[in-house]
N, C-alpha and C. Protein backbone atom coordinates (compact mmCIF):
# COMPACT_ATOMS: atom_id res chain seq x y z
N MET A 1 146.64 141.33 226.77
CA MET A 1 147.73 141.51 225.81
C MET A 1 147.24 142.36 224.65
N ALA A 2 148.02 143.37 224.26
CA ALA A 2 147.64 144.28 223.18
C ALA A 2 148.75 144.33 222.14
N SER A 3 148.34 144.29 220.87
CA SER A 3 149.31 144.44 219.78
C SER A 3 149.59 145.91 219.55
N LYS A 4 150.86 146.22 219.25
CA LYS A 4 151.24 147.60 218.99
C LYS A 4 152.08 147.66 217.73
N ALA A 5 152.19 148.87 217.20
CA ALA A 5 152.99 149.08 215.99
C ALA A 5 154.40 149.49 216.37
N VAL A 6 155.37 148.98 215.64
CA VAL A 6 156.75 149.42 215.78
C VAL A 6 157.10 150.23 214.53
N LEU A 7 157.45 151.49 214.74
CA LEU A 7 157.77 152.39 213.63
C LEU A 7 159.28 152.51 213.51
N ILE A 8 159.79 152.32 212.30
CA ILE A 8 161.23 152.34 212.07
C ILE A 8 161.53 153.23 210.87
N VAL A 9 162.56 154.05 210.98
CA VAL A 9 163.02 154.88 209.87
C VAL A 9 164.48 154.59 209.61
N LYS A 10 164.77 154.26 208.36
CA LYS A 10 166.16 154.07 207.92
C LYS A 10 166.54 155.25 207.05
N GLY A 11 167.74 155.76 207.21
CA GLY A 11 168.18 156.89 206.41
C GLY A 11 169.45 156.59 205.65
N ILE A 12 169.69 157.37 204.60
CA ILE A 12 170.95 157.36 203.87
C ILE A 12 171.56 158.74 203.99
N SER A 13 172.74 158.81 204.55
CA SER A 13 173.36 160.09 204.90
C SER A 13 174.06 160.72 203.69
N GLU A 14 174.60 161.89 203.89
CA GLU A 14 175.35 162.59 202.85
C GLU A 14 176.51 161.77 202.33
N SER A 15 177.07 160.92 203.19
CA SER A 15 178.20 160.08 202.78
C SER A 15 177.76 158.88 201.96
N GLY A 16 176.45 158.62 201.92
CA GLY A 16 175.94 157.47 201.18
C GLY A 16 175.83 156.21 202.00
N HIS A 17 176.00 156.32 203.32
CA HIS A 17 175.88 155.16 204.21
C HIS A 17 174.47 155.10 204.82
N ARG A 18 174.02 153.88 205.07
CA ARG A 18 172.72 153.67 205.69
C ARG A 18 172.84 153.65 207.21
N GLU A 19 171.77 154.02 207.87
CA GLU A 19 171.69 153.85 209.32
C GLU A 19 170.24 153.89 209.76
N ILE A 20 169.95 153.26 210.89
CA ILE A 20 168.61 153.34 211.47
C ILE A 20 168.53 154.65 212.23
N LEU A 21 167.59 155.51 211.86
CA LEU A 21 167.48 156.84 212.46
C LEU A 21 166.50 156.88 213.62
N ALA A 22 165.51 156.01 213.60
CA ALA A 22 164.50 156.08 214.66
C ALA A 22 163.80 154.75 214.82
N VAL A 23 163.46 154.44 216.06
CA VAL A 23 162.64 153.29 216.42
C VAL A 23 161.66 153.76 217.47
N ASP A 24 160.39 153.44 217.29
CA ASP A 24 159.40 153.85 218.28
C ASP A 24 158.27 152.82 218.32
N VAL A 25 157.61 152.75 219.46
CA VAL A 25 156.45 151.88 219.64
C VAL A 25 155.24 152.77 219.82
N ALA A 26 154.18 152.45 219.07
CA ALA A 26 152.95 153.25 219.14
C ALA A 26 151.74 152.32 219.25
N ASN A 27 150.67 152.86 219.79
CA ASN A 27 149.45 152.07 219.90
C ASN A 27 148.92 151.65 218.54
N THR A 28 149.14 152.51 217.56
CA THR A 28 148.69 152.22 216.20
C THR A 28 149.54 153.01 215.23
N GLU A 29 149.55 152.59 213.97
CA GLU A 29 150.24 153.34 212.94
C GLU A 29 149.23 154.33 212.36
N SER A 30 149.49 155.63 212.53
CA SER A 30 148.55 156.65 212.11
C SER A 30 149.31 157.91 211.72
N GLU A 31 148.58 158.88 211.20
CA GLU A 31 149.21 160.16 210.88
C GLU A 31 149.82 160.78 212.13
N ALA A 32 149.12 160.68 213.25
CA ALA A 32 149.61 161.29 214.49
C ALA A 32 150.92 160.64 214.96
N THR A 33 151.00 159.32 214.90
CA THR A 33 152.21 158.65 215.39
C THR A 33 153.39 158.90 214.47
N TRP A 34 153.13 158.89 213.14
CA TRP A 34 154.23 159.20 212.22
C TRP A 34 154.63 160.67 212.34
N ALA A 35 153.68 161.56 212.53
CA ALA A 35 154.00 162.98 212.68
C ALA A 35 154.88 163.21 213.90
N GLU A 36 154.58 162.52 215.00
CA GLU A 36 155.39 162.67 216.20
C GLU A 36 156.80 162.14 215.98
N LEU A 37 156.92 161.04 215.27
CA LEU A 37 158.25 160.49 214.99
C LEU A 37 159.03 161.43 214.08
N PHE A 38 158.40 161.97 213.06
CA PHE A 38 159.08 162.91 212.17
C PHE A 38 159.47 164.19 212.92
N ARG A 39 158.62 164.64 213.83
CA ARG A 39 158.93 165.83 214.62
C ARG A 39 160.19 165.60 215.44
N LYS A 40 160.32 164.43 216.05
CA LYS A 40 161.51 164.10 216.84
C LYS A 40 162.75 164.06 215.95
N LEU A 41 162.61 163.53 214.75
CA LEU A 41 163.75 163.50 213.83
C LEU A 41 164.22 164.91 213.49
N LYS A 42 163.27 165.80 213.26
CA LYS A 42 163.63 167.18 212.96
C LYS A 42 164.33 167.84 214.14
N GLU A 43 163.86 167.56 215.35
CA GLU A 43 164.50 168.11 216.55
C GLU A 43 165.93 167.62 216.68
N ARG A 44 166.20 166.42 216.20
CA ARG A 44 167.55 165.86 216.26
C ARG A 44 168.43 166.35 215.12
N GLY A 45 167.86 167.15 214.21
CA GLY A 45 168.67 167.76 213.17
C GLY A 45 168.50 167.19 211.78
N VAL A 46 167.59 166.25 211.59
CA VAL A 46 167.36 165.73 210.23
C VAL A 46 166.72 166.82 209.39
N GLN A 47 167.33 167.11 208.26
CA GLN A 47 166.82 168.16 207.38
C GLN A 47 167.23 167.86 205.95
N GLY A 48 166.73 168.66 205.02
CA GLY A 48 167.09 168.47 203.63
C GLY A 48 166.64 167.14 203.06
N VAL A 49 165.54 166.62 203.55
CA VAL A 49 165.06 165.32 203.08
C VAL A 49 164.60 165.43 201.63
N LEU A 50 165.12 164.57 200.78
CA LEU A 50 164.76 164.59 199.36
C LEU A 50 163.67 163.60 199.01
N LEU A 51 163.67 162.47 199.68
CA LEU A 51 162.76 161.40 199.30
C LEU A 51 162.42 160.53 200.50
N VAL A 52 161.17 160.12 200.57
CA VAL A 52 160.74 159.11 201.54
C VAL A 52 160.10 157.97 200.76
N THR A 53 160.59 156.77 200.98
CA THR A 53 160.04 155.58 200.35
C THR A 53 159.28 154.78 201.39
N SER A 54 158.06 154.40 201.09
CA SER A 54 157.26 153.64 202.05
C SER A 54 156.19 152.86 201.31
N ASP A 55 155.50 152.00 202.05
CA ASP A 55 154.30 151.40 201.50
C ASP A 55 153.20 152.46 201.51
N GLU A 56 152.04 152.10 200.98
CA GLU A 56 150.97 153.09 200.92
C GLU A 56 150.29 153.18 202.28
N HIS A 57 150.59 154.26 203.00
CA HIS A 57 149.91 154.52 204.26
C HIS A 57 149.57 156.00 204.27
N LYS A 58 148.30 156.31 204.15
CA LYS A 58 147.89 157.71 203.99
C LYS A 58 148.33 158.57 205.17
N GLY A 59 148.34 158.00 206.39
CA GLY A 59 148.78 158.76 207.55
C GLY A 59 150.24 159.12 207.46
N LEU A 60 151.08 158.18 207.02
CA LEU A 60 152.51 158.45 206.87
C LEU A 60 152.73 159.53 205.83
N VAL A 61 152.05 159.41 204.69
CA VAL A 61 152.24 160.39 203.62
C VAL A 61 151.77 161.78 204.07
N ALA A 62 150.67 161.85 204.80
CA ALA A 62 150.19 163.14 205.30
C ALA A 62 151.19 163.75 206.27
N ALA A 63 151.77 162.92 207.13
CA ALA A 63 152.77 163.41 208.08
C ALA A 63 154.02 163.88 207.36
N LEU A 64 154.38 163.18 206.30
CA LEU A 64 155.52 163.59 205.48
C LEU A 64 155.29 164.97 204.89
N ARG A 65 154.13 165.18 204.31
CA ARG A 65 153.81 166.47 203.69
C ARG A 65 153.87 167.60 204.72
N ARG A 66 153.51 167.27 205.93
CA ARG A 66 153.48 168.29 206.98
C ARG A 66 154.87 168.62 207.52
N HIS A 67 155.69 167.60 207.72
CA HIS A 67 156.96 167.81 208.41
C HIS A 67 158.17 167.91 207.48
N PHE A 68 158.09 167.34 206.29
CA PHE A 68 159.20 167.41 205.35
C PHE A 68 158.68 167.93 204.01
N GLN A 69 158.21 169.18 204.06
CA GLN A 69 157.64 169.79 202.86
C GLN A 69 158.69 169.87 201.77
N GLY A 70 158.28 169.49 200.57
CA GLY A 70 159.20 169.50 199.44
C GLY A 70 159.83 168.16 199.17
N ALA A 71 159.79 167.25 200.15
CA ALA A 71 160.34 165.91 199.93
C ALA A 71 159.41 165.12 199.02
N ALA A 72 160.00 164.32 198.14
CA ALA A 72 159.20 163.47 197.25
C ALA A 72 158.82 162.19 197.98
N TRP A 73 157.74 161.56 197.51
CA TRP A 73 157.32 160.28 198.08
C TRP A 73 157.38 159.21 197.01
N GLN A 74 158.09 158.13 197.31
CA GLN A 74 158.15 156.97 196.44
C GLN A 74 157.34 155.84 197.06
N ARG A 75 156.29 155.42 196.37
CA ARG A 75 155.52 154.27 196.85
C ARG A 75 156.30 153.00 196.53
N CYS A 76 156.48 152.16 197.52
CA CYS A 76 157.26 150.94 197.34
C CYS A 76 156.70 150.11 196.19
N GLN A 77 157.54 149.84 195.21
CA GLN A 77 157.08 149.09 194.04
C GLN A 77 156.73 147.65 194.39
N THR A 78 157.45 147.06 195.33
CA THR A 78 157.15 145.68 195.73
C THR A 78 155.77 145.59 196.37
N HIS A 79 155.48 146.51 197.28
CA HIS A 79 154.16 146.52 197.91
C HIS A 79 153.06 146.77 196.88
N PHE A 80 153.33 147.65 195.93
CA PHE A 80 152.33 147.95 194.91
C PHE A 80 152.01 146.71 194.08
N GLN A 81 153.04 145.97 193.69
CA GLN A 81 152.82 144.76 192.92
C GLN A 81 151.98 143.75 193.70
N ARG A 82 152.24 143.65 195.00
CA ARG A 82 151.44 142.74 195.83
C ARG A 82 149.99 143.22 195.90
N ASN A 83 149.80 144.52 195.94
CA ASN A 83 148.45 145.07 196.08
C ASN A 83 147.59 144.83 194.84
N VAL A 84 148.23 144.78 193.67
CA VAL A 84 147.43 144.67 192.44
C VAL A 84 147.35 143.25 191.90
N ARG A 85 148.20 142.35 192.34
CA ARG A 85 148.23 141.03 191.71
C ARG A 85 146.94 140.24 191.90
N ASP A 86 146.24 140.47 193.00
CA ASP A 86 145.00 139.72 193.24
C ASP A 86 143.83 140.23 192.41
N LEU A 87 144.06 141.26 191.60
CA LEU A 87 143.01 141.76 190.72
C LEU A 87 142.93 140.98 189.41
N VAL A 88 143.86 140.02 189.25
CA VAL A 88 143.80 139.10 188.11
C VAL A 88 143.84 137.67 188.63
N PRO A 89 143.38 136.70 187.86
CA PRO A 89 143.47 135.29 188.28
C PRO A 89 144.92 134.87 188.47
N ARG A 90 145.12 133.84 189.26
CA ARG A 90 146.48 133.35 189.52
C ARG A 90 147.23 133.06 188.22
N SER A 91 146.52 132.55 187.23
CA SER A 91 147.16 132.20 185.96
C SER A 91 147.70 133.42 185.22
N GLN A 92 147.22 134.62 185.57
CA GLN A 92 147.64 135.85 184.90
C GLN A 92 148.63 136.68 185.73
N GLN A 93 148.91 136.24 186.93
CA GLN A 93 149.73 137.06 187.83
C GLN A 93 151.18 137.18 187.36
N ALA A 94 151.74 136.12 186.79
CA ALA A 94 153.12 136.19 186.31
C ALA A 94 153.25 137.19 185.17
N ALA A 95 152.26 137.20 184.27
CA ALA A 95 152.30 138.14 183.14
C ALA A 95 152.18 139.59 183.63
N LEU A 96 151.33 139.79 184.62
CA LEU A 96 151.20 141.14 185.20
C LEU A 96 152.50 141.57 185.84
N ALA A 97 153.13 140.68 186.58
CA ALA A 97 154.41 141.00 187.23
C ALA A 97 155.46 141.34 186.19
N ASP A 98 155.49 140.60 185.08
CA ASP A 98 156.45 140.90 184.01
C ASP A 98 156.18 142.28 183.41
N GLY A 99 154.91 142.59 183.22
CA GLY A 99 154.56 143.89 182.66
C GLY A 99 154.98 145.04 183.57
N LEU A 100 154.76 144.88 184.86
CA LEU A 100 155.15 145.92 185.81
C LEU A 100 156.67 146.06 185.89
N ARG A 101 157.37 144.94 185.79
CA ARG A 101 158.83 145.03 185.80
C ARG A 101 159.35 145.82 184.59
N GLU A 102 158.70 145.66 183.46
CA GLU A 102 159.09 146.44 182.29
C GLU A 102 158.91 147.93 182.54
N VAL A 103 157.84 148.27 183.24
CA VAL A 103 157.60 149.68 183.59
C VAL A 103 158.69 150.16 184.54
N PHE A 104 158.91 149.44 185.61
CA PHE A 104 159.82 149.88 186.66
C PHE A 104 161.28 149.85 186.22
N ASN A 105 161.62 149.01 185.25
CA ASN A 105 163.01 148.92 184.79
C ASN A 105 163.28 149.75 183.55
N ALA A 106 162.33 150.58 183.16
CA ALA A 106 162.54 151.44 181.99
C ALA A 106 163.74 152.36 182.21
N SER A 107 164.31 152.81 181.10
CA SER A 107 165.53 153.62 181.20
C SER A 107 165.28 155.06 181.62
N ASN A 108 164.04 155.54 181.44
CA ASN A 108 163.73 156.91 181.86
C ASN A 108 162.23 157.03 182.12
N LEU A 109 161.82 158.16 182.64
CA LEU A 109 160.43 158.35 183.04
C LEU A 109 159.48 158.31 181.85
N ASP A 110 159.87 158.90 180.73
CA ASP A 110 158.99 158.90 179.57
C ASP A 110 158.69 157.48 179.11
N LYS A 111 159.71 156.64 179.08
CA LYS A 111 159.51 155.26 178.64
C LYS A 111 158.70 154.48 179.67
N ALA A 112 158.95 154.76 180.95
CA ALA A 112 158.18 154.08 182.01
C ALA A 112 156.71 154.45 181.92
N THR A 113 156.43 155.73 181.71
CA THR A 113 155.05 156.20 181.62
C THR A 113 154.36 155.62 180.39
N SER A 114 155.09 155.59 179.28
CA SER A 114 154.53 155.05 178.05
C SER A 114 154.20 153.57 178.20
N ARG A 115 155.12 152.81 178.80
CA ARG A 115 154.88 151.38 178.99
C ARG A 115 153.74 151.15 179.98
N ARG A 116 153.65 151.99 181.01
CA ARG A 116 152.55 151.87 181.95
C ARG A 116 151.21 152.10 181.26
N ASP A 117 151.15 153.12 180.42
CA ASP A 117 149.91 153.42 179.71
C ASP A 117 149.51 152.26 178.79
N GLU A 118 150.49 151.65 178.15
CA GLU A 118 150.22 150.48 177.31
C GLU A 118 149.68 149.32 178.15
N LEU A 119 150.26 149.15 179.33
CA LEU A 119 149.82 148.07 180.22
C LEU A 119 148.39 148.30 180.69
N ILE A 120 148.09 149.54 181.01
CA ILE A 120 146.72 149.88 181.43
C ILE A 120 145.72 149.54 180.33
N GLU A 121 146.03 149.95 179.11
CA GLU A 121 145.11 149.71 178.00
C GLU A 121 144.96 148.22 177.71
N SER A 122 146.03 147.45 177.93
CA SER A 122 145.95 146.02 177.66
C SER A 122 145.01 145.30 178.61
N TYR A 123 144.74 145.92 179.77
CA TYR A 123 143.85 145.31 180.75
C TYR A 123 142.48 146.01 180.82
N ARG A 124 142.28 147.04 180.01
CA ARG A 124 141.09 147.87 180.14
C ARG A 124 139.79 147.07 179.97
N GLU A 125 139.74 146.20 179.01
CA GLU A 125 138.52 145.44 178.75
C GLU A 125 138.43 144.18 179.60
N SER A 126 139.55 143.46 179.73
CA SER A 126 139.49 142.17 180.42
C SER A 126 139.47 142.31 181.94
N TYR A 127 140.21 143.29 182.47
CA TYR A 127 140.28 143.48 183.93
C TYR A 127 140.19 144.97 184.25
N PRO A 128 139.00 145.56 184.11
CA PRO A 128 138.86 147.01 184.30
C PRO A 128 139.25 147.51 185.68
N LYS A 129 139.04 146.71 186.73
CA LYS A 129 139.42 147.15 188.08
C LYS A 129 140.94 147.29 188.18
N LEU A 130 141.66 146.37 187.57
CA LEU A 130 143.12 146.47 187.55
C LEU A 130 143.56 147.69 186.76
N ALA A 131 142.95 147.89 185.59
CA ALA A 131 143.31 149.05 184.77
C ALA A 131 143.09 150.36 185.53
N ASP A 132 141.96 150.44 186.24
CA ASP A 132 141.68 151.64 187.03
C ASP A 132 142.69 151.82 188.15
N LYS A 133 143.05 150.72 188.79
CA LYS A 133 144.03 150.79 189.89
C LYS A 133 145.38 151.26 189.38
N LEU A 134 145.82 150.72 188.26
CA LEU A 134 147.09 151.13 187.67
C LEU A 134 147.05 152.60 187.27
N ASP A 135 145.92 153.00 186.73
CA ASP A 135 145.77 154.38 186.25
C ASP A 135 145.77 155.37 187.40
N GLU A 136 145.10 155.01 188.49
CA GLU A 136 144.92 155.95 189.60
C GLU A 136 146.08 155.95 190.59
N ASP A 137 146.73 154.80 190.78
CA ASP A 137 147.66 154.67 191.91
C ASP A 137 149.12 154.44 191.56
N SER A 138 149.45 154.36 190.28
CA SER A 138 150.83 154.01 189.93
C SER A 138 151.78 155.19 189.84
N GLU A 139 151.25 156.41 189.83
CA GLU A 139 152.10 157.59 189.61
C GLU A 139 153.27 157.65 190.59
N HIS A 140 152.99 157.43 191.87
CA HIS A 140 154.04 157.58 192.88
C HIS A 140 155.01 156.40 192.92
N THR A 141 154.71 155.33 192.18
CA THR A 141 155.69 154.25 192.07
C THR A 141 156.83 154.64 191.14
N LEU A 142 156.66 155.73 190.41
CA LEU A 142 157.66 156.17 189.42
C LEU A 142 158.46 157.38 189.89
N THR A 143 158.28 157.79 191.13
CA THR A 143 158.99 158.97 191.66
C THR A 143 160.50 158.81 191.56
N CYS A 144 161.00 157.59 191.72
CA CYS A 144 162.45 157.34 191.72
C CYS A 144 163.10 157.78 190.42
N PHE A 145 162.32 157.91 189.33
CA PHE A 145 162.90 158.33 188.06
C PHE A 145 163.36 159.79 188.10
N GLN A 146 163.01 160.52 189.14
CA GLN A 146 163.52 161.88 189.31
C GLN A 146 164.96 161.89 189.79
N PHE A 147 165.45 160.72 190.21
CA PHE A 147 166.78 160.61 190.81
C PHE A 147 167.74 159.93 189.83
N PRO A 148 169.04 160.04 190.08
CA PRO A 148 170.01 159.44 189.15
C PRO A 148 169.74 157.96 188.91
N LYS A 149 170.00 157.52 187.70
CA LYS A 149 169.72 156.14 187.32
C LYS A 149 170.41 155.15 188.25
N ALA A 150 171.63 155.47 188.66
CA ALA A 150 172.39 154.56 189.52
C ALA A 150 171.75 154.40 190.90
N HIS A 151 170.88 155.32 191.29
CA HIS A 151 170.25 155.29 192.62
C HIS A 151 168.90 154.58 192.63
N ARG A 152 168.27 154.48 191.49
CA ARG A 152 166.84 154.15 191.47
C ARG A 152 166.51 152.80 192.10
N LYS A 153 167.27 151.76 191.77
CA LYS A 153 166.93 150.43 192.29
C LYS A 153 167.03 150.37 193.80
N LYS A 154 167.83 151.24 194.39
CA LYS A 154 168.00 151.22 195.84
C LYS A 154 167.06 152.18 196.55
N LEU A 155 166.30 152.94 195.78
CA LEU A 155 165.36 153.89 196.37
C LEU A 155 163.90 153.51 196.14
N ARG A 156 163.66 152.57 195.25
CA ARG A 156 162.29 152.35 194.79
C ARG A 156 161.47 151.37 195.63
N THR A 157 162.09 150.70 196.58
CA THR A 157 161.36 149.77 197.45
C THR A 157 161.85 149.90 198.88
N THR A 158 161.10 149.30 199.80
CA THR A 158 161.53 149.22 201.20
C THR A 158 162.12 147.85 201.51
N ASN A 159 162.57 147.12 200.48
CA ASN A 159 163.02 145.74 200.67
C ASN A 159 164.15 145.62 201.68
N GLY A 160 165.09 146.57 201.65
CA GLY A 160 166.21 146.50 202.59
C GLY A 160 165.74 146.60 204.03
N LEU A 161 164.79 147.46 204.29
CA LEU A 161 164.25 147.61 205.64
C LEU A 161 163.37 146.42 206.01
N GLU A 162 162.71 145.85 205.04
CA GLU A 162 161.88 144.67 205.30
C GLU A 162 162.75 143.52 205.81
N ARG A 163 163.95 143.39 205.27
CA ARG A 163 164.85 142.32 205.73
C ARG A 163 165.23 142.54 207.19
N PHE A 164 165.44 143.80 207.57
CA PHE A 164 165.72 144.10 208.97
C PHE A 164 164.49 143.78 209.82
N ASN A 165 163.32 144.08 209.31
CA ASN A 165 162.08 143.77 210.03
C ASN A 165 161.93 142.28 210.27
N GLU A 166 162.37 141.48 209.29
CA GLU A 166 162.30 140.02 209.45
C GLU A 166 163.19 139.56 210.62
N GLU A 167 164.33 140.21 210.78
CA GLU A 167 165.21 139.86 211.89
C GLU A 167 164.58 140.27 213.22
N ILE A 168 163.91 141.43 213.23
CA ILE A 168 163.20 141.85 214.44
C ILE A 168 162.12 140.83 214.79
N ALA A 169 161.37 140.40 213.79
CA ALA A 169 160.30 139.43 214.03
C ALA A 169 160.88 138.12 214.58
N ARG A 170 161.98 137.69 214.01
CA ARG A 170 162.60 136.44 214.46
C ARG A 170 163.03 136.54 215.92
N ARG A 171 163.64 137.66 216.29
CA ARG A 171 164.12 137.81 217.67
C ARG A 171 162.98 138.04 218.64
N SER A 172 161.98 138.81 218.23
CA SER A 172 160.86 139.10 219.13
C SER A 172 159.97 137.87 219.33
N ASN A 173 159.94 136.96 218.35
CA ASN A 173 159.15 135.74 218.51
C ASN A 173 159.68 134.86 219.64
N VAL A 174 160.96 135.00 219.92
CA VAL A 174 161.55 134.26 221.04
C VAL A 174 160.98 134.77 222.36
N VAL A 175 160.81 136.09 222.44
CA VAL A 175 160.26 136.70 223.66
C VAL A 175 158.76 136.45 223.74
N ARG A 176 158.09 136.48 222.59
CA ARG A 176 156.66 136.26 222.45
C ARG A 176 155.82 137.42 222.97
N VAL A 177 155.92 137.76 224.25
CA VAL A 177 155.14 138.87 224.81
C VAL A 177 156.07 139.77 225.62
N PHE A 178 156.09 141.07 225.27
CA PHE A 178 156.90 142.02 226.02
C PHE A 178 156.09 142.54 227.21
N PRO A 179 156.71 142.66 228.39
CA PRO A 179 155.97 143.15 229.56
C PRO A 179 155.53 144.60 229.44
N ASN A 180 156.28 145.40 228.65
CA ASN A 180 155.94 146.82 228.48
C ASN A 180 156.66 147.36 227.23
N ASP A 181 156.34 148.61 226.90
CA ASP A 181 156.93 149.22 225.70
C ASP A 181 158.44 149.36 225.82
N LYS A 182 158.92 149.69 227.03
CA LYS A 182 160.36 149.88 227.20
C LYS A 182 161.14 148.62 226.89
N ALA A 183 160.60 147.48 227.28
CA ALA A 183 161.28 146.22 227.01
C ALA A 183 161.36 145.96 225.51
N CYS A 184 160.28 146.28 224.81
CA CYS A 184 160.26 146.13 223.36
C CYS A 184 161.28 147.06 222.70
N ILE A 185 161.29 148.31 223.13
CA ILE A 185 162.22 149.29 222.58
C ILE A 185 163.66 148.86 222.82
N ARG A 186 163.95 148.35 224.01
CA ARG A 186 165.33 147.95 224.33
C ARG A 186 165.83 146.91 223.34
N LEU A 187 165.01 145.90 223.06
CA LEU A 187 165.44 144.86 222.14
C LEU A 187 165.62 145.40 220.73
N ILE A 188 164.62 146.13 220.25
CA ILE A 188 164.69 146.60 218.87
C ILE A 188 165.77 147.66 218.70
N ALA A 189 165.95 148.52 219.69
CA ALA A 189 167.01 149.54 219.61
C ALA A 189 168.38 148.88 219.59
N ALA A 190 168.56 147.81 220.36
CA ALA A 190 169.84 147.09 220.35
C ALA A 190 170.11 146.49 218.97
N LEU A 191 169.08 145.91 218.37
CA LEU A 191 169.22 145.36 217.02
C LEU A 191 169.50 146.47 216.01
N ALA A 192 168.83 147.62 216.19
CA ALA A 192 169.02 148.74 215.28
C ALA A 192 170.45 149.27 215.36
N MET A 193 170.98 149.39 216.56
CA MET A 193 172.36 149.87 216.72
C MET A 193 173.35 148.89 216.10
N GLU A 194 173.08 147.62 216.29
CA GLU A 194 173.95 146.59 215.70
C GLU A 194 173.92 146.67 214.17
N GLN A 195 172.72 146.81 213.62
CA GLN A 195 172.59 146.90 212.16
C GLN A 195 173.23 148.18 211.63
N SER A 196 173.00 149.30 212.31
CA SER A 196 173.59 150.57 211.87
C SER A 196 175.11 150.51 211.89
N GLU A 197 175.67 149.90 212.91
CA GLU A 197 177.13 149.78 213.00
C GLU A 197 177.67 148.99 211.80
N GLU A 198 176.95 147.94 211.46
CA GLU A 198 177.37 147.12 210.30
C GLU A 198 177.31 147.95 209.01
N TRP A 199 176.23 148.72 208.86
CA TRP A 199 176.10 149.54 207.65
C TRP A 199 177.13 150.66 207.60
N LEU A 200 177.35 151.33 208.73
CA LEU A 200 178.23 152.50 208.76
C LEU A 200 179.69 152.13 208.57
N THR A 201 180.06 150.93 208.96
CA THR A 201 181.46 150.49 208.82
C THR A 201 181.67 149.67 207.55
N GLY A 202 180.59 149.39 206.85
CA GLY A 202 180.69 148.59 205.63
C GLY A 202 180.82 149.46 204.39
N ARG A 203 180.56 148.86 203.26
CA ARG A 203 180.66 149.58 202.00
C ARG A 203 179.58 150.66 201.90
N ARG A 204 179.94 151.73 201.22
CA ARG A 204 178.98 152.81 201.00
C ARG A 204 177.82 152.29 200.15
N TYR A 205 176.61 152.62 200.55
CA TYR A 205 175.41 152.12 199.89
C TYR A 205 175.14 152.86 198.58
N LEU A 206 175.33 154.18 198.60
CA LEU A 206 175.10 155.00 197.41
C LEU A 206 176.27 155.95 197.18
N ASP A 207 176.66 156.11 195.95
CA ASP A 207 177.59 157.16 195.57
C ASP A 207 176.76 158.43 195.43
N MET A 208 176.96 159.38 196.33
CA MET A 208 176.12 160.57 196.35
C MET A 208 176.62 161.68 195.44
N SER A 209 177.72 161.46 194.72
CA SER A 209 178.30 162.53 193.90
C SER A 209 177.32 163.09 192.86
N PRO A 210 176.41 162.29 192.28
CA PRO A 210 175.46 162.90 191.33
C PRO A 210 174.55 163.94 191.96
N LEU A 211 174.48 163.97 193.29
CA LEU A 211 173.60 164.93 193.96
C LEU A 211 174.39 166.05 194.66
N GLN A 212 175.67 166.14 194.38
CA GLN A 212 176.50 167.10 195.10
C GLN A 212 176.15 168.55 194.81
N ASP A 213 175.42 168.79 193.73
CA ASP A 213 175.07 170.17 193.42
C ASP A 213 173.87 170.65 194.21
N GLN A 214 173.30 169.77 195.06
CA GLN A 214 172.18 170.19 195.90
C GLN A 214 172.68 171.19 196.94
N SER A 215 171.87 172.20 197.21
CA SER A 215 172.29 173.26 198.14
C SER A 215 171.99 172.92 199.59
N THR A 216 171.22 171.85 199.84
CA THR A 216 170.87 171.47 201.20
C THR A 216 171.47 170.12 201.55
N PRO A 217 171.66 169.83 202.84
CA PRO A 217 172.17 168.51 203.22
C PRO A 217 171.30 167.41 202.65
N LEU A 218 171.93 166.33 202.22
CA LEU A 218 171.21 165.26 201.55
C LEU A 218 170.91 164.13 202.50
N LYS A 219 169.67 163.71 202.52
CA LYS A 219 169.29 162.54 203.28
C LYS A 219 168.05 161.93 202.65
N VAL A 220 168.14 160.69 202.29
CA VAL A 220 167.02 159.99 201.69
C VAL A 220 166.52 158.97 202.70
N LEU A 221 165.23 159.04 203.02
CA LEU A 221 164.67 158.20 204.06
C LEU A 221 163.78 157.12 203.48
N THR A 222 163.78 155.95 204.13
CA THR A 222 162.78 154.94 203.82
C THR A 222 162.09 154.57 205.11
N GLY A 223 160.77 154.50 205.11
CA GLY A 223 160.02 154.21 206.33
C GLY A 223 159.01 153.12 206.09
N THR A 224 158.78 152.29 207.09
CA THR A 224 157.80 151.24 206.98
C THR A 224 157.37 150.77 208.35
N ASP A 225 156.27 150.11 208.39
CA ASP A 225 155.78 149.48 209.61
C ASP A 225 156.00 148.00 209.51
N PRO A 226 156.82 147.39 210.39
CA PRO A 226 157.11 145.98 210.26
C PRO A 226 155.95 145.07 210.56
N GLY A 227 154.85 145.62 211.05
CA GLY A 227 153.64 144.82 211.22
C GLY A 227 153.65 143.99 212.48
């Protein structure tokens, strides 16, 4: 029995509706596997990508730079908070989370950057590893500030896709072991089509009018590995 990665891409179309754009099974999550998935998306006509939101995976980001040049990368703020919280004692984790929320909920990029810098300095002496981590790795958590304020909360994390991943995990746990990749794909693709149908026939996820002056087709992608 071998564990494999399931790669999923969710997109937001020009109309502002969500849909699952791709599902694939790979031996591992790597730059090569993400590059192949992005290549297939381009062959199917995905273009004009403005933003990709994901957890920190260097292979995914490298593949993004190669296949969707010019697209911005938003590091998932939820994943980032999880990554840094263990750099302080449990008794300090709530205060750190509050500080990061102040950064992420700022009204504009200047205020977010200023609050982040204050947070870094507040930890410089007591928790230098945390201060260094915030200083070196937080820049891409603020990419969403380049987009309209009304869009930011829905672009800054992969939480929506994580909920779909939880449903995949729940259903796949019933099967426990898939006999082959095709069997795995069949189940997940069926779930993806069901979820996409619900999203496409439901309420619009984003009002895209603030981006109507863009000269290229609009599509904002979020990608993650459900683990």
